[in-house]
Amino acid sequence: MRSADRIAAAALLVLAVAFTAGALMRYAYWSRFEGPGPGFVPFWVGLAMALLAAGLLVRAWRQESAGEPWAPRGEALRNVLVVLGASVGFVALMKVLGMVLAAALFLAVLVRYLERSPWRVTLPVAAGAAGAIWLIFAHWLRVPFPAGPLGF
């Protein structure tokens, strides 16, 4: 696990430094009359990311034992594959079924196969969450979603 942690920490550190540098190069950090500029928050978020990644890198470097294998096996691997397949299916079906129906199907798959919930729990959860997504984003915030055959 040590080498996987080292690689992940190094990659996160590079990403965080690039994010922080990009925030300073593209956006003003401070405005003379208005205070914090559009680069203020991204700079500090990037700096926090860099510090956390550096801490993970130091911890991984100091770790004595190799630890447990990092790749999932057995049921954990099945869960990863279910989430990956459901995500790919969600993206593929979004233009065909629309955002709300695709989200309901995505959530139904996750609740049914990851949580092993019965259909009497799965269907209301998926429908309720998809309805909440539509209500908040499409109705109240007017975010344009891909529409399906039912018009939403």
Protein backbone atom coordinates (compact mmCIF):
# COMPACT_ATOMS: atom_id res chain seq x y z
CA MET A 1 0.00 0.00 0.00
CA ARG A 2 2.93 2.27 0.60
CA SER A 3 3.79 2.68 -3.08
CA ALA A 4 0.15 3.34 -4.00
CA ASP A 5 -0.05 5.98 -1.25
CA ARG A 6 3.18 7.56 -2.45
CA ILE A 7 2.01 7.73 -6.05
CA ALA A 8 -1.42 9.11 -5.08
CA ALA A 9 0.09 11.66 -2.68
CA ALA A 10 2.64 12.84 -5.24
CA ALA A 11 -0.05 13.16 -7.93
CA LEU A 12 -2.33 15.08 -5.54
CA LEU A 13 0.54 17.35 -4.54
CA VAL A 14 1.32 18.17 -8.18
CA LEU A 15 -2.37 18.80 -8.87
CA ALA A 16 -2.72 21.03 -5.80
CA VAL A 17 0.36 23.08 -6.67
CA ALA A 18 -0.88 23.51 -10.25
CA PHE A 19 -4.34 24.48 -8.97
CA THR A 20 -2.87 27.05 -6.58
CA ALA A 21 -0.54 28.50 -9.21
CA GLY A 22 -3.38 28.64 -11.73
CA ALA A 23 -5.56 30.52 -9.25
CA LEU A 24 -2.86 33.14 -8.78
CA MET A 25 -2.00 33.42 -12.47
CA ARG A 26 -5.56 33.63 -13.81
CA TYR A 27 -7.44 35.50 -11.10
CA ALA A 28 -6.79 38.52 -8.92
CA TYR A 29 -6.08 37.53 -5.33
CA TRP A 30 -7.09 40.88 -3.85
CA SER A 31 -8.92 43.91 -5.13
CA ARG A 32 -7.89 47.30 -3.79
CA PHE A 33 -11.46 48.50 -3.33
CA GLU A 34 -13.50 45.32 -2.98
CA GLY A 35 -11.28 43.11 -0.79
CA PRO A 36 -10.78 39.45 -1.67
CA GLY A 37 -10.81 38.81 -5.40
CA PRO A 38 -11.87 35.74 -7.40
CA GLY A 39 -8.50 34.05 -6.78
CA PHE A 40 -8.69 34.28 -2.98
CA VAL A 41 -10.69 31.13 -2.22
CA PRO A 42 -9.10 28.94 -4.95
CA PHE A 43 -5.65 29.91 -3.67
CA TRP A 44 -6.42 28.87 -0.10
CA VAL A 45 -8.22 25.70 -1.16
CA GLY A 46 -5.24 24.75 -3.32
CA LEU A 47 -2.85 25.50 -0.49
CA ALA A 48 -4.87 23.32 1.90
CA MET A 49 -4.91 20.53 -0.71
CA ALA A 50 -1.13 20.82 -1.09
CA LEU A 51 -0.55 20.65 2.67
CA LEU A 52 -2.79 17.60 3.04
CA ALA A 53 -1.12 15.86 0.08
CA ALA A 54 2.33 16.65 1.52
CA GLY A 55 1.23 15.18 4.85
CA LEU A 56 0.01 12.03 3.12
CA LEU A 57 3.30 11.78 1.22
CA VAL A 58 5.35 12.11 4.43
CA ARG A 59 3.18 9.51 6.17
CA ALA A 60 3.48 7.07 3.27
CA TRP A 61 7.24 7.58 3.13
CA ARG A 62 7.64 6.88 6.88
CA GLN A 63 5.37 3.83 6.92
CA GLU A 64 7.35 0.72 7.79
CA SER A 65 5.15 -2.11 6.58
CA ALA A 66 3.76 -2.51 3.11
CA GLY A 67 0.26 -2.72 4.59
CA GLU A 68 -2.72 -4.40 3.06
CA PRO A 69 -3.12 -4.70 -0.71
CA TRP A 70 -4.72 -1.52 -2.06
CA ALA A 71 -6.70 -3.09 -4.89
CA PRO A 72 -10.20 -4.21 -3.94
CA ARG A 73 -11.02 -7.90 -4.03
CA GLY A 74 -14.14 -9.98 -3.70
CA GLU A 75 -17.25 -8.05 -2.72
CA ALA A 76 -15.39 -4.73 -2.63
CA LEU A 77 -14.34 -5.25 -6.26
CA ARG A 78 -17.93 -6.08 -7.17
CA ASN A 79 -19.10 -2.87 -5.52
CA VAL A 80 -16.53 -0.80 -7.41
CA LEU A 81 -17.60 -2.40 -10.70
CA VAL A 82 -21.30 -1.81 -9.94
CA VAL A 83 -20.66 1.89 -9.25
CA LEU A 84 -18.47 2.21 -12.35
CA GLY A 85 -21.03 0.45 -14.55
CA ALA A 86 -23.92 2.43 -13.11
CA SER A 87 -22.01 5.68 -13.67
CA VAL A 88 -21.24 4.81 -17.29
CA GLY A 89 -24.86 3.80 -17.80
CA PHE A 90 -26.06 7.04 -16.22
CA VAL A 91 -23.96 9.15 -18.57
CA ALA A 92 -24.98 7.08 -21.60
CA LEU A 93 -28.69 7.17 -20.78
CA MET A 94 -28.87 10.81 -19.75
CA LYS A 95 -29.46 12.10 -23.30
CA VAL A 96 -31.90 9.26 -24.09
CA LEU A 97 -34.02 9.19 -20.92
CA GLY A 98 -33.33 12.67 -19.61
CA MET A 99 -31.51 13.70 -16.47
CA VAL A 100 -34.27 12.92 -13.98
CA LEU A 101 -35.12 9.42 -15.24
CA ALA A 102 -31.45 8.53 -15.68
CA ALA A 103 -30.74 9.73 -12.12
CA ALA A 104 -33.65 7.64 -10.79
CA LEU A 105 -32.34 4.55 -12.59
CA PHE A 106 -28.78 5.22 -11.39
CA LEU A 107 -29.92 5.57 -7.79
CA ALA A 108 -32.14 2.49 -8.04
CA VAL A 109 -29.19 0.39 -9.20
CA LEU A 110 -26.98 1.67 -6.39
CA VAL A 111 -29.57 1.27 -3.65
CA ARG A 112 -30.69 -2.16 -4.86
CA TYR A 113 -27.31 -3.76 -5.52
CA LEU A 114 -24.98 -1.99 -3.10
CA GLU A 115 -27.30 -1.68 -0.13
CA ARG A 116 -29.23 -4.84 -1.03
CA SER A 117 -32.48 -3.06 -0.23
CA PRO A 118 -35.82 -4.56 -1.24
CA TRP A 119 -37.74 -3.00 -4.11
CA ARG A 120 -40.25 -1.45 -1.67
CA VAL A 121 -37.37 0.66 -0.34
CA THR A 122 -35.39 1.07 -3.57
CA LEU A 123 -38.16 2.55 -5.73
CA PRO A 124 -39.32 5.29 -3.31
CA VAL A 125 -35.73 6.30 -2.55
CA ALA A 126 -34.80 6.53 -6.24
CA ALA A 127 -38.01 8.34 -7.18
CA GLY A 128 -37.81 10.72 -4.21
CA ALA A 129 -34.16 11.62 -4.84
CA ALA A 130 -34.78 12.11 -8.57
CA GLY A 131 -37.80 14.27 -7.75
CA ALA A 132 -35.70 16.34 -5.34
CA ILE A 133 -33.04 16.79 -8.03
CA TRP A 134 -35.69 18.01 -10.46
CA LEU A 135 -37.35 20.28 -7.89
CA ILE A 136 -34.15 21.94 -6.70
CA PHE A 137 -32.16 22.23 -9.90
CA ALA A 138 -34.61 22.25 -12.80
CA HIS A 139 -37.58 23.97 -11.17
CA TRP A 140 -36.18 26.35 -8.54
CA LEU A 141 -32.69 27.08 -9.92
CA ARG A 142 -33.71 26.71 -13.59
CA VAL A 143 -30.65 24.65 -14.50
CA PRO A 144 -31.22 23.27 -18.01
CA PHE A 145 -31.16 19.47 -17.90
CA PRO A 146 -31.34 17.07 -20.84
CA ALA A 147 -35.04 16.30 -21.25
CA GLY A 148 -36.27 12.78 -21.80
CA PRO A 149 -39.30 11.37 -23.55
CA LEU A 150 -41.59 12.55 -20.74
CA GLY A 151 -40.36 16.13 -21.03
CA PHE A 152 -38.25 16.26 -17.86
